[in-house]
Amino acid sequence: MQTITVSRNDDIYEAFADIARAADGTLVCTYRESMAHGPRPWSKVVVRRSYDRGLSWGARQVVVERTREQTDGGEGRLNCSRITTCRDGVMLLIVDLTFRKGREMETCGARNLFFRSHDHGATWQGPEETGMTEAIVPSIKELSNGDLIVGLTEHQAGEEGKGIIETQTVYLSSDRGRTWEGPFKVPDPGEPMVTGHYWRLNEGDFVELDDGALILYMREDGEGLSGWKSISWDGGRSWSTPVRTRMMHCLGRPSVGRLRSGEIVVTYRIGCGLSTSLGMHVETPDEARRHLPDRHGYPCSGGDPQVRFAFLDNDRSICPDSGYSGWVQRPDGSLFVVNYINDDAPRAQIRGYCVGREDWFLFPEGAIRFDWASDPEGQGHVARQDVIRRQRAWADGQDWSKRVPTQK
């Protein structure tokens, strides 16, 4: 794995990165500049572009900003930006503009603003008002039917001493983002919590499977032990009772998408004790459906878990802050991941990672296998090599130019 500095300015706080691959192959990274983890005392959403698969990055371009004077005057603070490329080549950038009082994550108003680029991220038109208010930290995807889907988190004040209540919501647009339906709310898990006061599902992101099922992967801060997932069979308008994933300590925004092979990748912040790390969770569509209801309401089951996991980075800072990330798959099959991290900088920086499959799994793309059959003669490695050869032949025979839904 190769590590690259996308942006580092020790005089400002660069955070909450995301990335998309433009139709011409340009990589476009967006993130927020401010002076702290929160968007204070001023905030800017910027983009940088790379023409060499992420190995070097051009000058920063400011898409939208709020000066100190604007913020002090009640015009809000820019929080988290997300970016995606649609099938027609138009790039979309969404950012939540919050109106908090002070530092706490209290009940607050918000406006989610839309920007569009028709020239691979070189220039941006906007902002467009979406009408999506009272919810923050967006995610955005284009579905196979052309609809846009956005995930947002609502905040409400909890009981005294118990922090806030968070609710995962979903919005849909069938006219390229000009009007929106929603919010469609995701229910809380149906099982009791091991720790904490109440469930706090938030910051979810989506994949669409080949049969049209939508899987929503979510952070959860109440119990804090794992990520959760829910399924929709009606295009995102209703969602099943969430079930637990194998994503340990998912305490930072999941960034979700599909590989050209159909496998699902989730990068997210792992919060364990005082540490924050960047993790990568990979699973098959069958694993994504596990324990979730099918079209008829019956839970899907299966055998061995079809999941692999890797740590991509660990924040060594005395004040660690990292793990809001984005990723794309490059034409050669490798991934380019962006992440914000304090680590060896005085303030947060944007770091990139070139991740090959060999960095997390020594098996060709398209399947996650486990083969530990009875081997009294000590020759199991021979049989495993045959499994690998057959998978390699399958992968070599694929037409990778054919896109799968929500491929990144």
Protein backbone atom coordinates (compact mmCIF):
# COMPACT_ATOMS: atom_id res chain seq x y z
CA MET A 1 0.00 0.00 0.00
CA GLN A 2 1.31 3.43 -0.97
CA THR A 3 0.51 6.50 1.15
CA ILE A 4 0.25 9.94 -0.49
CA THR A 5 -0.33 13.43 0.88
CA VAL A 6 -3.36 14.88 -0.91
CA SER A 7 -3.26 18.15 1.06
CA ARG A 8 -1.44 19.34 4.16
CA ASN A 9 -1.47 22.90 5.42
CA ASP A 10 -0.35 23.06 9.05
CA ASP A 11 -2.07 26.43 9.50
CA ILE A 12 -5.61 25.11 8.89
CA TYR A 13 -7.76 22.07 9.70
CA GLU A 14 -8.51 19.97 6.60
CA ALA A 15 -11.15 17.33 7.26
CA PHE A 16 -14.09 15.13 6.15
CA ALA A 17 -12.76 13.99 2.77
CA ASP A 18 -14.64 12.31 -0.08
CA ILE A 19 -13.67 11.43 -3.64
CA ALA A 20 -15.24 10.59 -7.00
CA ARG A 21 -13.89 9.56 -10.40
CA ALA A 22 -15.04 11.88 -13.19
CA ALA A 23 -16.19 10.54 -16.55
CA ASP A 24 -12.81 11.40 -18.12
CA GLY A 25 -10.88 9.57 -15.39
CA THR A 26 -9.97 12.63 -13.31
CA LEU A 27 -10.10 12.01 -9.56
CA VAL A 28 -11.86 14.81 -7.67
CA CYS A 29 -11.41 15.06 -3.90
CA THR A 30 -13.55 17.32 -1.74
CA TYR A 31 -13.03 18.26 1.90
CA ARG A 32 -13.69 21.07 4.36
CA GLU A 33 -11.26 23.67 5.64
CA SER A 34 -11.67 25.41 9.00
CA MET A 35 -9.60 25.91 12.15
CA ALA A 36 -10.95 23.00 14.23
CA HIS A 37 -12.89 19.73 14.06
CA GLY A 38 -16.08 21.77 14.06
CA PRO A 39 -16.61 24.38 11.31
CA ARG A 40 -15.23 27.30 13.30
CA PRO A 41 -14.60 30.22 13.10
CA TRP A 42 -14.92 30.11 9.30
CA SER A 43 -15.42 27.23 6.83
CA LYS A 44 -14.72 26.44 3.19
CA VAL A 45 -15.56 23.47 1.00
CA VAL A 46 -12.82 22.88 -1.54
CA VAL A 47 -11.92 20.39 -4.28
CA ARG A 48 -8.61 19.21 -5.65
CA ARG A 49 -8.13 17.21 -8.85
CA SER A 50 -5.67 14.52 -9.88
CA TYR A 51 -4.92 13.47 -13.47
CA ASP A 52 -2.55 10.60 -12.60
CA ARG A 53 -4.80 8.24 -10.57
CA GLY A 54 -4.18 10.09 -7.29
CA LEU A 55 -0.38 10.16 -7.30
CA SER A 56 -0.27 13.98 -7.42
CA TRP A 57 -2.87 16.67 -6.78
CA GLY A 58 -3.53 20.09 -8.25
CA ALA A 59 -4.32 23.39 -6.60
CA ARG A 60 -7.28 23.75 -4.28
CA GLN A 61 -10.48 25.30 -5.67
CA VAL A 62 -13.00 26.86 -3.28
CA VAL A 63 -16.56 25.75 -4.11
CA VAL A 64 -18.35 27.58 -1.28
CA GLU A 65 -17.32 29.37 1.91
CA ARG A 66 -18.59 31.05 5.04
CA THR A 67 -16.33 33.75 6.41
CA ARG A 68 -16.00 34.55 10.10
CA GLU A 69 -18.21 37.59 9.54
CA GLN A 70 -20.87 35.53 7.76
CA THR A 71 -20.80 32.88 10.48
CA ASP A 72 -20.99 35.46 13.28
CA GLY A 73 -23.85 37.08 11.36
CA GLY A 74 -25.95 33.91 11.46
CA GLU A 75 -25.31 32.65 7.91
CA GLY A 76 -24.24 29.21 9.08
CA ARG A 77 -21.25 26.89 8.99
CA LEU A 78 -20.29 24.43 6.26
CA ASN A 79 -19.97 20.92 7.66
CA CYS A 80 -19.45 17.78 5.50
CA SER A 81 -19.30 17.60 1.72
CA ARG A 82 -19.90 14.46 -0.39
CA ILE A 83 -19.39 13.95 -4.11
CA THR A 84 -20.55 11.52 -6.81
CA THR A 85 -20.49 11.14 -10.59
CA CYS A 86 -23.70 10.31 -12.44
CA ARG A 87 -23.98 8.12 -15.53
CA ASP A 88 -24.41 11.19 -17.76
CA GLY A 89 -21.04 12.52 -16.55
CA VAL A 90 -22.44 15.29 -14.34
CA MET A 91 -20.73 15.48 -10.96
CA LEU A 92 -22.80 16.34 -7.89
CA LEU A 93 -21.53 17.79 -4.63
CA ILE A 94 -23.74 18.13 -1.56
CA VAL A 95 -22.84 19.89 1.69
CA ASP A 96 -24.77 20.57 4.88
CA LEU A 97 -24.85 24.15 6.13
CA THR A 98 -25.58 24.06 9.86
CA PHE A 99 -26.87 26.72 12.23
CA ARG A 100 -25.62 25.51 15.61
CA LYS A 101 -25.22 27.62 18.70
CA GLY A 102 -21.90 27.01 20.39
CA ARG A 103 -19.96 23.78 20.18
CA GLU A 104 -22.47 21.13 21.15
CA MET A 105 -24.22 18.77 18.74
CA GLU A 106 -27.55 20.15 19.86
CA THR A 107 -30.79 20.32 17.93
CA CYS A 108 -30.05 22.63 15.04
CA GLY A 109 -31.32 23.82 11.73
CA ALA A 110 -29.54 22.90 8.51
CA ARG A 111 -29.69 23.50 4.80
CA ASN A 112 -28.30 20.92 2.42
CA LEU A 113 -26.87 22.63 -0.65
CA PHE A 114 -26.31 21.15 -4.09
CA PHE A 115 -23.59 21.97 -6.62
CA ARG A 116 -23.12 20.56 -10.15
CA SER A 117 -20.11 20.27 -12.42
CA HIS A 118 -20.38 19.59 -16.17
CA ASP A 119 -16.62 19.71 -16.81
CA HIS A 120 -15.21 16.93 -14.60
CA GLY A 121 -14.92 19.08 -11.49
CA ALA A 122 -13.13 22.07 -13.06
CA THR A 123 -16.00 24.47 -12.31
CA TRP A 124 -19.10 24.23 -10.14
CA GLN A 125 -22.57 25.74 -10.44
CA GLY A 126 -24.65 26.42 -7.34
CA PRO A 127 -25.66 26.47 -4.63
CA GLU A 128 -29.10 24.98 -5.23
CA GLU A 129 -31.48 24.74 -2.30
CA THR A 130 -32.72 21.15 -1.80
CA GLY A 131 -35.38 21.81 0.83
CA MET A 132 -33.76 19.13 3.03
CA THR A 133 -33.48 20.76 6.46
CA GLU A 134 -33.05 19.68 10.09
CA ALA A 135 -30.57 16.95 9.15
CA ILE A 136 -26.83 16.83 8.57
CA VAL A 137 -23.84 14.79 7.24
CA PRO A 138 -25.15 13.79 3.80
CA SER A 139 -24.38 10.80 1.63
CA ILE A 140 -25.39 10.66 -2.03
CA LYS A 141 -25.71 7.96 -4.71
CA GLU A 142 -27.32 7.57 -8.13
CA LEU A 143 -29.47 4.44 -8.40
CA SER A 144 -29.83 2.27 -11.49
CA ASN A 145 -33.23 3.80 -12.34
CA GLY A 146 -31.71 7.30 -12.36
CA ASP A 147 -33.08 8.34 -8.97
CA LEU A 148 -30.78 10.14 -6.54
CA ILE A 149 -30.73 8.96 -2.94
CA VAL A 150 -29.42 10.97 0.00
CA GLY A 151 -28.90 9.85 3.58
CA LEU A 152 -29.08 12.42 6.40
CA THR A 153 -29.02 12.40 10.20
CA GLU A 154 -31.59 14.19 12.33
CA HIS A 155 -30.57 15.43 15.79
CA GLN A 156 -32.87 16.00 18.74
CA ALA A 157 -32.06 16.90 22.33
CA GLY A 158 -32.17 13.84 24.60
CA GLU A 159 -32.97 13.62 28.28
CA GLU A 160 -30.77 15.65 30.57
CA GLY A 161 -27.35 14.03 30.89
CA LYS A 162 -27.97 11.61 28.03
CA GLY A 163 -26.68 13.61 25.06
CA ILE A 164 -28.64 13.66 21.81
CA ILE A 165 -31.01 11.43 19.90
CA GLU A 166 -30.05 10.68 16.30
CA THR A 167 -32.30 9.32 13.56
CA GLN A 168 -31.19 8.05 10.14
CA THR A 169 -33.33 9.48 7.33
CA VAL A 170 -33.45 9.02 3.55
CA TYR A 171 -34.50 11.37 0.73
CA LEU A 172 -35.17 10.56 -2.94
CA SER A 173 -35.23 12.60 -6.13
CA SER A 174 -36.55 11.41 -9.50
CA ASP A 175 -35.72 14.67 -11.34
CA ARG A 176 -31.94 14.93 -10.92
CA GLY A 177 -32.08 16.70 -7.57
CA ARG A 178 -34.53 19.49 -8.35
CA THR A 179 -37.20 18.19 -5.97
CA TRP A 180 -36.99 15.68 -3.13
CA GLU A 181 -39.26 13.18 -1.36
CA GLY A 182 -38.75 12.41 2.29
CA PRO A 183 -37.74 12.04 4.97
CA PHE A 184 -38.13 8.27 5.02
CA LYS A 185 -36.97 7.20 8.47
CA VAL A 186 -35.03 4.08 9.40
CA PRO A 187 -36.33 2.35 12.57
CA ASP A 188 -34.15 1.58 15.56
CA PRO A 189 -32.79 -1.96 16.04
CA GLY A 190 -35.25 -4.38 17.53
CA GLU A 191 -32.86 -5.86 20.08
CA PRO A 192 -31.85 -4.49 23.48
CA MET A 193 -28.71 -2.38 23.74
CA VAL A 194 -25.68 -3.80 25.53
CA THR A 195 -24.44 -0.37 26.67
CA GLY A 196 -25.68 3.22 26.56
CA HIS A 197 -29.05 4.88 26.88
CA TYR A 198 -30.68 4.62 23.46
CA TRP A 199 -29.83 3.74 19.87
CA ARG A 200 -28.15 6.42 17.74
CA LEU A 201 -28.06 5.30 14.10
CA ASN A 202 -26.52 7.95 11.86
CA GLU A 203 -24.34 8.91 8.86
CA GLY A 204 -25.54 6.03 6.66
CA ASP A 205 -24.48 5.30 3.07
CA PHE A 206 -25.93 3.01 0.40
CA VAL A 207 -25.29 0.27 -2.12
CA GLU A 208 -27.72 -1.14 -4.66
CA LEU A 209 -27.55 -4.85 -5.43
CA ASP A 210 -28.21 -6.38 -8.84
CA ASP A 211 -31.80 -7.33 -7.90
CA GLY A 212 -32.64 -3.75 -6.85
CA ALA A 213 -32.26 -4.25 -3.11
CA LEU A 214 -30.80 -1.23 -1.34
CA ILE A 215 -28.55 -1.84 1.66
CA LEU A 216 -27.94 1.04 4.06
CA TYR A 217 -24.83 0.80 6.26
CA MET A 218 -24.90 3.01 9.37
CA ARG A 219 -22.74 4.28 12.18
CA GLU A 220 -24.13 3.81 15.71
CA ASP A 221 -23.06 5.88 18.75
CA GLY A 222 -25.38 4.78 21.56
CA GLU A 223 -24.03 1.29 22.12
CA GLY A 224 -20.92 1.95 20.03
CA LEU A 225 -19.94 -1.66 19.40
CA SER A 226 -20.65 -2.15 15.68
CA GLY A 227 -22.11 -0.79 12.49
CA TRP A 228 -25.67 -1.66 11.46
CA LYS A 229 -27.48 -2.26 8.18
CA SER A 230 -31.05 -2.09 6.87
CA ILE A 231 -32.62 -3.14 3.57
CA SER A 232 -35.20 -1.49 1.32
CA TRP A 233 -37.10 -3.31 -1.42
CA ASP A 234 -39.09 -0.30 -2.63
CA GLY A 235 -36.40 2.08 -3.81
CA GLY A 236 -35.65 3.59 -0.41
CA ARG A 237 -39.12 4.52 0.84
CA SER A 238 -39.33 1.92 3.60
CA TRP A 239 -36.57 0.25 5.56
CA SER A 240 -36.34 -2.98 7.56
CA THR A 241 -35.47 -3.20 11.22
CA PRO A 242 -31.67 -2.83 11.26
CA VAL A 243 -29.39 -5.75 12.06
CA ARG A 244 -25.81 -5.79 13.28
CA THR A 245 -22.94 -5.93 10.80
CA ARG A 246 -19.43 -7.28 11.39
CA MET A 247 -18.05 -3.72 11.20
CA MET A 248 -16.51 -3.33 14.65
CA HIS A 249 -16.72 -0.02 16.53
CA CYS A 250 -18.21 1.91 13.57
CA LEU A 251 -18.01 5.40 15.07
CA GLY A 252 -17.36 7.43 11.94
CA ARG A 253 -19.12 8.00 8.63
CA PRO A 254 -19.24 4.85 6.47
CA SER A 255 -18.26 5.35 2.83
CA VAL A 256 -19.94 2.59 0.85
CA GLY A 257 -19.91 1.39 -2.74
CA ARG A 258 -19.45 -1.61 -5.00
CA LEU A 259 -16.39 -2.82 -6.83
CA ARG A 260 -16.55 -3.77 -10.51
CA SER A 261 -16.76 -7.39 -9.28
CA GLY A 262 -19.93 -6.61 -7.32
CA GLU A 263 -18.27 -6.92 -3.93
CA ILE A 264 -19.09 -4.21 -1.38
CA VAL A 265 -16.46 -2.01 0.27
CA VAL A 266 -17.03 0.13 3.36
CA THR A 267 -14.34 2.44 4.71
CA TYR A 268 -15.06 3.98 8.11
CA ARG A 269 -13.65 5.29 11.38
CA ILE A 270 -12.97 2.65 14.01
CA GLY A 271 -13.27 4.28 17.42
CA CYS A 272 -11.75 2.08 20.13
CA GLY A 273 -10.93 3.74 23.44
CA LEU A 274 -9.02 6.93 22.67
CA SER A 275 -7.86 5.68 19.26
CA THR A 276 -9.27 6.44 15.84
CA SER A 277 -8.29 4.28 12.89
CA LEU A 278 -9.31 3.93 9.25
CA GLY A 279 -10.78 0.50 8.56
CA MET A 280 -11.86 -1.22 5.33
CA HIS A 281 -14.64 -3.80 5.44
CA VAL A 282 -15.28 -5.87 2.29
CA GLU A 283 -18.14 -8.31 1.83
CA THR A 284 -20.11 -10.10 -0.88
CA PRO A 285 -23.73 -9.32 -1.81
CA ASP A 286 -24.78 -12.58 -0.12
CA GLU A 287 -23.12 -11.40 3.09
CA ALA A 288 -24.79 -8.00 2.74
CA ARG A 289 -28.20 -9.72 2.74
CA ARG A 290 -27.41 -11.95 5.73
CA HIS A 291 -30.08 -11.68 8.46
CA LEU A 292 -32.03 -9.09 6.42
CA PRO A 293 -35.50 -9.91 5.04
CA ASP A 294 -35.95 -10.89 1.39
CA ARG A 295 -38.81 -9.60 -0.75
CA HIS A 296 -41.23 -11.83 1.16
CA GLY A 297 -40.04 -10.83 4.61
CA TYR A 298 -38.03 -13.93 5.44
CA PRO A 299 -34.53 -13.37 6.83
CA CYS A 300 -31.66 -14.54 4.62
CA SER A 301 -29.07 -16.83 6.15
CA GLY A 302 -25.85 -18.45 4.98
CA GLY A 303 -22.73 -20.37 5.91
CA ASP A 304 -19.29 -18.96 6.60
CA PRO A 305 -19.09 -15.15 6.70
CA GLN A 306 -17.96 -13.77 3.36
CA VAL A 307 -16.10 -10.80 4.87
CA ARG A 308 -12.53 -9.52 4.92
CA PHE A 309 -11.20 -6.60 6.95
CA ALA A 310 -8.06 -4.44 6.95
CA PHE A 311 -6.69 -1.50 8.91
CA LEU A 312 -5.52 1.18 6.47
CA ASP A 313 -4.20 3.73 8.97
CA ASN A 314 -4.02 4.58 12.65
CA ASP A 315 -3.97 8.10 14.07
CA ARG A 316 -0.98 8.31 16.43
CA SER A 317 -1.69 11.87 17.57
CA ILE A 318 -2.17 12.77 21.25
CA CYS A 319 -5.47 14.18 19.97
CA PRO A 320 -6.52 11.65 17.30
CA ASP A 321 -9.16 12.72 14.82
CA SER A 322 -9.59 10.78 11.59
CA GLY A 323 -11.68 8.30 9.65
CA TYR A 324 -14.16 10.26 7.50
CA SER A 325 -13.15 8.87 4.15
CA GLY A 326 -14.04 8.24 0.53
CA TRP A 327 -12.74 5.85 -2.10
CA VAL A 328 -12.89 4.98 -5.79
CA GLN A 329 -11.80 1.98 -7.82
CA ARG A 330 -9.22 2.75 -10.48
CA PRO A 331 -9.18 1.12 -13.96
CA ASP A 332 -6.54 -1.41 -12.90
CA GLY A 333 -8.81 -2.64 -10.08
CA SER A 334 -6.91 -0.99 -7.23
CA LEU A 335 -8.56 1.48 -4.86
CA PHE A 336 -7.64 5.06 -4.09
CA VAL A 337 -8.85 6.01 -0.61
CA VAL A 338 -8.88 9.51 0.90
CA ASN A 339 -9.04 10.17 4.62
CA TYR A 340 -8.51 13.03 7.04
CA ILE A 341 -6.13 12.42 9.91
CA ASN A 342 -4.19 14.38 12.53
CA ASP A 343 -1.33 11.91 13.06
CA ASP A 344 2.00 13.76 12.68
CA ALA A 345 0.46 17.14 11.78
CA PRO A 346 -0.55 19.90 14.23
CA ARG A 347 -3.95 20.04 12.54
CA ALA A 348 -5.83 17.59 10.34
CA GLN A 349 -4.50 16.79 6.88
CA ILE A 350 -5.88 14.87 3.87
CA ARG A 351 -4.07 11.63 3.19
CA GLY A 352 -4.46 9.21 0.27
CA TYR A 353 -3.85 5.47 0.04
CA CYS A 354 -3.28 3.31 -3.05
CA VAL A 355 -4.72 -0.05 -2.00
CA GLY A 356 -4.32 -3.18 -4.11
CA ARG A 357 -6.28 -6.34 -3.52
CA GLU A 358 -3.05 -7.99 -2.40
CA ASP A 359 -2.96 -5.51 0.50
CA TRP A 360 -5.99 -7.13 2.12
CA PHE A 361 -6.67 -10.51 0.42
CA LEU A 362 -4.46 -12.91 -1.53
CA PHE A 363 -7.32 -14.16 -3.71
CA PRO A 364 -8.62 -12.85 -7.06
CA GLU A 365 -11.54 -10.45 -7.13
CA GLY A 366 -15.16 -11.51 -7.22
CA ALA A 367 -15.35 -13.85 -4.24
CA ILE A 368 -14.38 -14.04 -0.57
CA ARG A 369 -13.65 -17.68 0.22
CA PHE A 370 -12.55 -19.68 3.22
CA ASP A 371 -11.11 -23.16 2.66
CA TRP A 372 -9.85 -25.11 5.63
CA ALA A 373 -10.92 -28.63 4.75
CA SER A 374 -9.69 -31.72 6.59
CA ASP A 375 -6.06 -32.16 5.54
CA PRO A 376 -4.48 -35.20 7.26
CA GLU A 377 -1.69 -35.44 4.66
CA GLY A 378 -0.72 -31.78 4.83
CA GLN A 379 -1.58 -31.10 1.17
CA GLY A 380 -4.35 -28.56 1.62
CA HIS A 381 -2.22 -25.84 0.06
CA VAL A 382 -2.31 -27.74 -3.25
CA ALA A 383 -6.12 -27.80 -3.31
CA ARG A 384 -6.23 -24.13 -2.33
CA GLN A 385 -3.99 -23.20 -5.25
CA ASP A 386 -6.47 -24.90 -7.58
CA VAL A 387 -9.30 -22.80 -6.08
CA ILE A 388 -7.21 -19.68 -6.65
CA ARG A 389 -6.45 -20.62 -10.28
CA ARG A 390 -10.12 -21.17 -11.03
CA GLN A 391 -11.05 -17.81 -9.49
CA ARG A 392 -8.25 -16.12 -11.46
CA ALA A 393 -9.63 -17.63 -14.69
CA TRP A 394 -13.10 -16.32 -13.81
CA ALA A 395 -11.77 -12.82 -13.12
CA ASP A 396 -9.72 -12.78 -16.34
CA GLY A 397 -12.84 -13.63 -18.32
CA GLN A 398 -14.94 -10.72 -17.06
CA ASP A 399 -15.86 -7.61 -19.04
CA TRP A 400 -14.93 -4.97 -16.49
CA SER A 401 -16.31 -2.17 -18.67
CA LYS A 402 -19.84 -3.20 -17.65
CA ARG A 403 -20.77 -1.26 -14.53
CA VAL A 404 -22.68 -2.64 -11.57
CA PRO A 405 -25.16 -0.49 -9.59
CA THR A 406 -23.51 2.03 -7.23
CA GLN A 407 -20.07 1.07 -8.50
CA LYS A 408 -17.42 3.59 -7.38
